[in-house]
C-alpha atoms as a PDB file:
ATOM      1  CA  UNK A   1       6.719  17.690  53.748  1.00  0.00           C
ATOM      2  CA  UNK A   2       9.775  19.373  52.290  1.00  0.00           C
ATOM      3  CA  UNK A   3      11.182  18.830  48.830  1.00  0.00           C
ATOM      4  CA  UNK A   4      14.785  19.732  48.033  1.00  0.00           C
ATOM      5  CA  UNK A   5      15.783  20.241  44.413  1.00  0.00           C
ATOM      6  CA  UNK A   6      19.456  20.602  43.532  1.00  0.00           C
ATOM      7  CA  UNK A   7      20.868  22.095  40.365  1.00  0.00           C
ATOM      8  CA  UNK A   8      24.192  23.246  38.980  1.00  0.00           C
ATOM      9  CA  UNK A   9      26.215  20.071  38.767  1.00  0.00           C
ATOM     10  CA  UNK A  10      28.183  19.028  35.720  1.00  0.00           C
ATOM     11  CA  UNK A  11      31.580  18.385  34.218  1.00  0.00           C
ATOM     12  CA  UNK A  12      34.386  20.853  34.860  1.00  0.00           C
ATOM     13  CA  UNK A  13      38.134  20.853  34.351  1.00  0.00           C
ATOM     14  CA  UNK A  14      40.535  20.853  37.298  1.00  0.00           C
ATOM     15  CA  UNK A  15      40.903  24.374  38.619  1.00  0.00           C
ATOM     16  CA  UNK A  16      37.451  25.336  37.417  1.00  0.00           C
ATOM     17  CA  UNK A  17      34.376  26.463  39.312  1.00  0.00           C
ATOM     18  CA  UNK A  18      30.783  25.378  39.744  1.00  0.00           C
ATOM     19  CA  UNK A  19      27.886  26.744  41.761  1.00  0.00           C
ATOM     20  CA  UNK A  20      25.310  24.379  43.187  1.00  0.00           C
ATOM     21  CA  UNK A  21      21.862  25.499  44.256  1.00  0.00           C
ATOM     22  CA  UNK A  22      19.261  23.761  46.375  1.00  0.00           C
ATOM     23  CA  UNK A  23      15.759  25.117  46.745  1.00  0.00           C
ATOM     24  CA  UNK A  24      13.420  23.908  49.457  1.00  0.00           C
ATOM     25  CA  UNK A  25       9.709  23.823  48.767  1.00  0.00           C
ATOM     26  CA  UNK A  26       6.636  22.604  50.581  1.00  0.00           C
ATOM     27  CA  UNK A  27       4.902  23.636  53.758  1.00  0.00           C
ATOM     28  CA  UNK A  28       7.153  24.152  56.746  1.00  0.00           C
ATOM     29  CA  UNK A  29       7.775  26.564  59.585  1.00  0.00           C
ATOM     30  CA  UNK A  30      11.578  26.682  59.642  1.00  0.00           C
ATOM     31  CA  UNK A  31      14.749  24.985  58.484  1.00  0.00           C
ATOM     32  CA  UNK A  32      17.521  25.435  61.028  1.00  0.00           C
ATOM     33  CA  UNK A  33      20.410  23.929  59.101  1.00  0.00           C
ATOM     34  CA  UNK A  34      21.003  23.476  55.384  1.00  0.00           C
ATOM     35  CA  UNK A  35      24.005  21.527  54.256  1.00  0.00           C
ATOM     36  CA  UNK A  36      25.812  19.904  51.385  1.00  0.00           C
ATOM     37  CA  UNK A  37      27.103  16.350  51.552  1.00  0.00           C
ATOM     38  CA  UNK A  38      28.905  14.357  48.909  1.00  0.00           C
ATOM     39  CA  UNK A  39      29.480  10.732  48.139  1.00  0.00           C
ATOM     40  CA  UNK A  40      32.187   9.472  45.835  1.00  0.00           C
ATOM     41  CA  UNK A  41      32.116   5.943  44.389  1.00  0.00           C
ATOM     42  CA  UNK A  42      33.099   3.403  47.011  1.00  0.00           C
ATOM     43  CA  UNK A  43      33.185   5.984  49.786  1.00  0.00           C
ATOM     44  CA  UNK A  44      30.861   7.021  52.570  1.00  0.00           C
ATOM     45  CA  UNK A  45      28.763  10.133  52.347  1.00  0.00           C
ATOM     46  CA  UNK A  46      30.581  13.047  53.976  1.00  0.00           C
ATOM     47  CA  UNK A  47      29.644  16.528  55.096  1.00  0.00           C
ATOM     48  CA  UNK A  48      31.027  19.213  52.808  1.00  0.00           C
ATOM     49  CA  UNK A  49      29.578  22.375  54.328  1.00  0.00           C
ATOM     50  CA  UNK A  50      26.656  23.532  56.425  1.00  0.00           C
ATOM     51  CA  UNK A  51      24.999  26.819  57.278  1.00  0.00           C
ATOM     52  CA  UNK A  52      22.540  27.718  59.993  1.00  0.00           C
ATOM     53  CA  UNK A  53      19.550  30.008  59.665  1.00  0.00           C
ATOM     54  CA  UNK A  54      21.654  32.670  61.341  1.00  0.00           C
ATOM     55  CA  UNK A  55      24.510  32.263  58.876  1.00  0.00           C
ATOM     56  CA  UNK A  56      27.035  30.250  60.879  1.00  0.00           C
ATOM     57  CA  UNK A  57      29.031  27.952  58.633  1.00  0.00           C
ATOM     58  CA  UNK A  58      31.152  24.829  58.897  1.00  0.00           C
ATOM     59  CA  UNK A  59      33.368  23.230  56.283  1.00  0.00           C
ATOM     60  CA  UNK A  60      35.179  19.977  55.754  1.00  0.00           C
ATOM     61  CA  UNK A  61      38.939  20.498  55.988  1.00  0.00           C
ATOM     62  CA  UNK A  62      39.329  19.292  52.414  1.00  0.00           C
ATOM     63  CA  UNK A  63      37.278  22.181  50.997  1.00  0.00           C
ATOM     64  CA  UNK A  64      38.206  25.062  53.304  1.00  0.00           C
ATOM     65  CA  UNK A  65      39.363  28.063  51.333  1.00  0.00           C
ATOM     66  CA  UNK A  66      37.925  26.699  48.084  1.00  0.00           C
ATOM     67  CA  UNK A  67      34.192  26.243  48.732  1.00  0.00           C
ATOM     68  CA  UNK A  68      31.732  28.771  50.106  1.00  0.00           C
ATOM     69  CA  UNK A  69      28.263  27.937  51.388  1.00  0.00           C
ATOM     70  CA  UNK A  70      25.601  30.632  51.501  1.00  0.00           C
ATOM     71  CA  UNK A  71      21.910  30.811  52.096  1.00  0.00           C
ATOM     72  CA  UNK A  72      18.979  32.975  51.065  1.00  0.00           C
ATOM     73  CA  UNK A  73      16.400  32.529  53.806  1.00  0.00           C
ATOM     74  CA  UNK A  74      13.760  34.483  51.886  1.00  0.00           C
ATOM     75  CA  UNK A  75      14.025  31.978  49.027  1.00  0.00           C
ATOM     76  CA  UNK A  76      14.701  28.920  51.218  1.00  0.00           C
ATOM     77  CA  UNK A  77      17.705  28.235  49.039  1.00  0.00           C
ATOM     78  CA  UNK A  78      21.256  27.193  49.852  1.00  0.00           C
ATOM     79  CA  UNK A  79      24.214  27.588  47.516  1.00  0.00           C
ATOM     80  CA  UNK A  80      27.632  26.015  47.277  1.00  0.00           C
ATOM     81  CA  UNK A  81      30.233  27.968  45.346  1.00  0.00           C
ATOM     82  CA  UNK A  82      33.038  25.587  44.456  1.00  0.00           C
ATOM     83  CA  UNK A  83      36.321  27.053  43.212  1.00  0.00           C
ATOM     84  CA  UNK A  84      39.698  25.510  42.409  1.00  0.00           C
ATOM     85  CA  UNK A  85      38.026  22.177  41.869  1.00  0.00           C
ATOM     86  CA  UNK A  86      40.130  19.031  42.036  1.00  0.00           C
ATOM     87  CA  UNK A  87      39.515  15.551  40.618  1.00  0.00           C
ATOM     88  CA  UNK A  88      39.006  14.319  44.186  1.00  0.00           C
ATOM     89  CA  UNK A  89      35.966  16.601  44.443  1.00  0.00           C
ATOM     90  CA  UNK A  90      34.207  14.315  41.969  1.00  0.00           C
ATOM     91  CA  UNK A  91      31.087  12.949  43.669  1.00  0.00           C
ATOM     92  CA  UNK A  92      27.345  13.125  43.862  1.00  0.00           C
ATOM     93  CA  UNK A  93      26.476  16.173  45.928  1.00  0.00           C
ATOM     94  CA  UNK A  94      23.396  16.012  48.107  1.00  0.00           C
ATOM     95  CA  UNK A  95      21.476  18.844  49.693  1.00  0.00           C
ATOM     96  CA  UNK A  96      20.320  18.303  53.263  1.00  0.00           C
ATOM     97  CA  UNK A  97      17.804  20.159  55.391  1.00  0.00           C
ATOM     98  CA  UNK A  98      18.131  19.391  59.085  1.00  0.00           C
ATOM     99  CA  UNK A  99      16.224  20.398  62.222  1.00  0.00           C
ATOM    100  CA  UNK A 100      13.204  21.184  60.075  1.00  0.00           C
ATOM    101  CA  UNK A 101       9.970  22.115  61.807  1.00  0.00           C
ATOM    102  CA  UNK A 102       6.824  21.681  59.767  1.00  0.00           C
ATOM    103  CA  UNK A 103       4.868  23.652  62.391  1.00  0.00           C
ATOM    104  CA  UNK A 104       5.918  25.981  65.189  1.00  0.00           C
ATOM    105  CA  UNK A 105       5.502  23.191  67.748  1.00  0.00           C
ATOM    106  CA  UNK A 106       6.467  20.283  65.517  1.00  0.00           C
ATOM    107  CA  UNK A 107       9.325  17.887  66.101  1.00  0.00           C
ATOM    108  CA  UNK A 108      12.552  18.146  64.155  1.00  0.00           C
ATOM    109  CA  UNK A 109      12.773  16.347  60.820  1.00  0.00           C
ATOM    110  CA  UNK A 110      15.440  15.847  58.175  1.00  0.00           C
ATOM    111  CA  UNK A 111      15.212  15.793  54.389  1.00  0.00           C
ATOM    112  CA  UNK A 112      17.524  14.987  51.493  1.00  0.00           C
ATOM    113  CA  UNK A 113      17.646  16.033  47.876  1.00  0.00           C
ATOM    114  CA  UNK A 114      18.079  13.579  45.021  1.00  0.00           C
ATOM    115  CA  UNK A 115      21.697  14.558  44.389  1.00  0.00           C
ATOM    116  CA  UNK A 116      23.566  16.195  41.547  1.00  0.00           C
ATOM    117  CA  UNK A 117      26.692  14.823  39.888  1.00  0.00           C
ATOM    118  CA  UNK A 118      29.890  16.865  39.929  1.00  0.00           C
ATOM    119  CA  UNK A 119      32.737  15.534  37.810  1.00  0.00           C
ATOM    120  CA  UNK A 120      36.152  17.184  37.782  1.00  0.00           C
ATOM    121  CA  UNK A 121      38.233  15.874  34.918  1.00  0.00           C
ATOM    122  CA  UNK A 122      40.391  17.041  32.062  1.00  0.00           C
END
């Protein structure tokens, strides 16, 4: 099993910055993709950014140029640096671990964190 624990959310003014962290723990062989999703009230959960074990990244168009996803494979931790925050970035942000192998020959699994609230408001 894999546990994902997010931290770093909070209240910030428009134009401000926050850094989210998500640490994976448990017994596993590899995590191919780590990602951040968000869900605003009344909206569907959407992909914000993802990063592969090799460092390849993808971003939602709405956050390109403002958010940066990074990963420390030695610590099994993914980060989301969020700059120039806007009120529309307000949401619960969820960490996701995809294509996880618990053993070298195991099937792929997926895990979610419990979410952390980000509120952008003056």
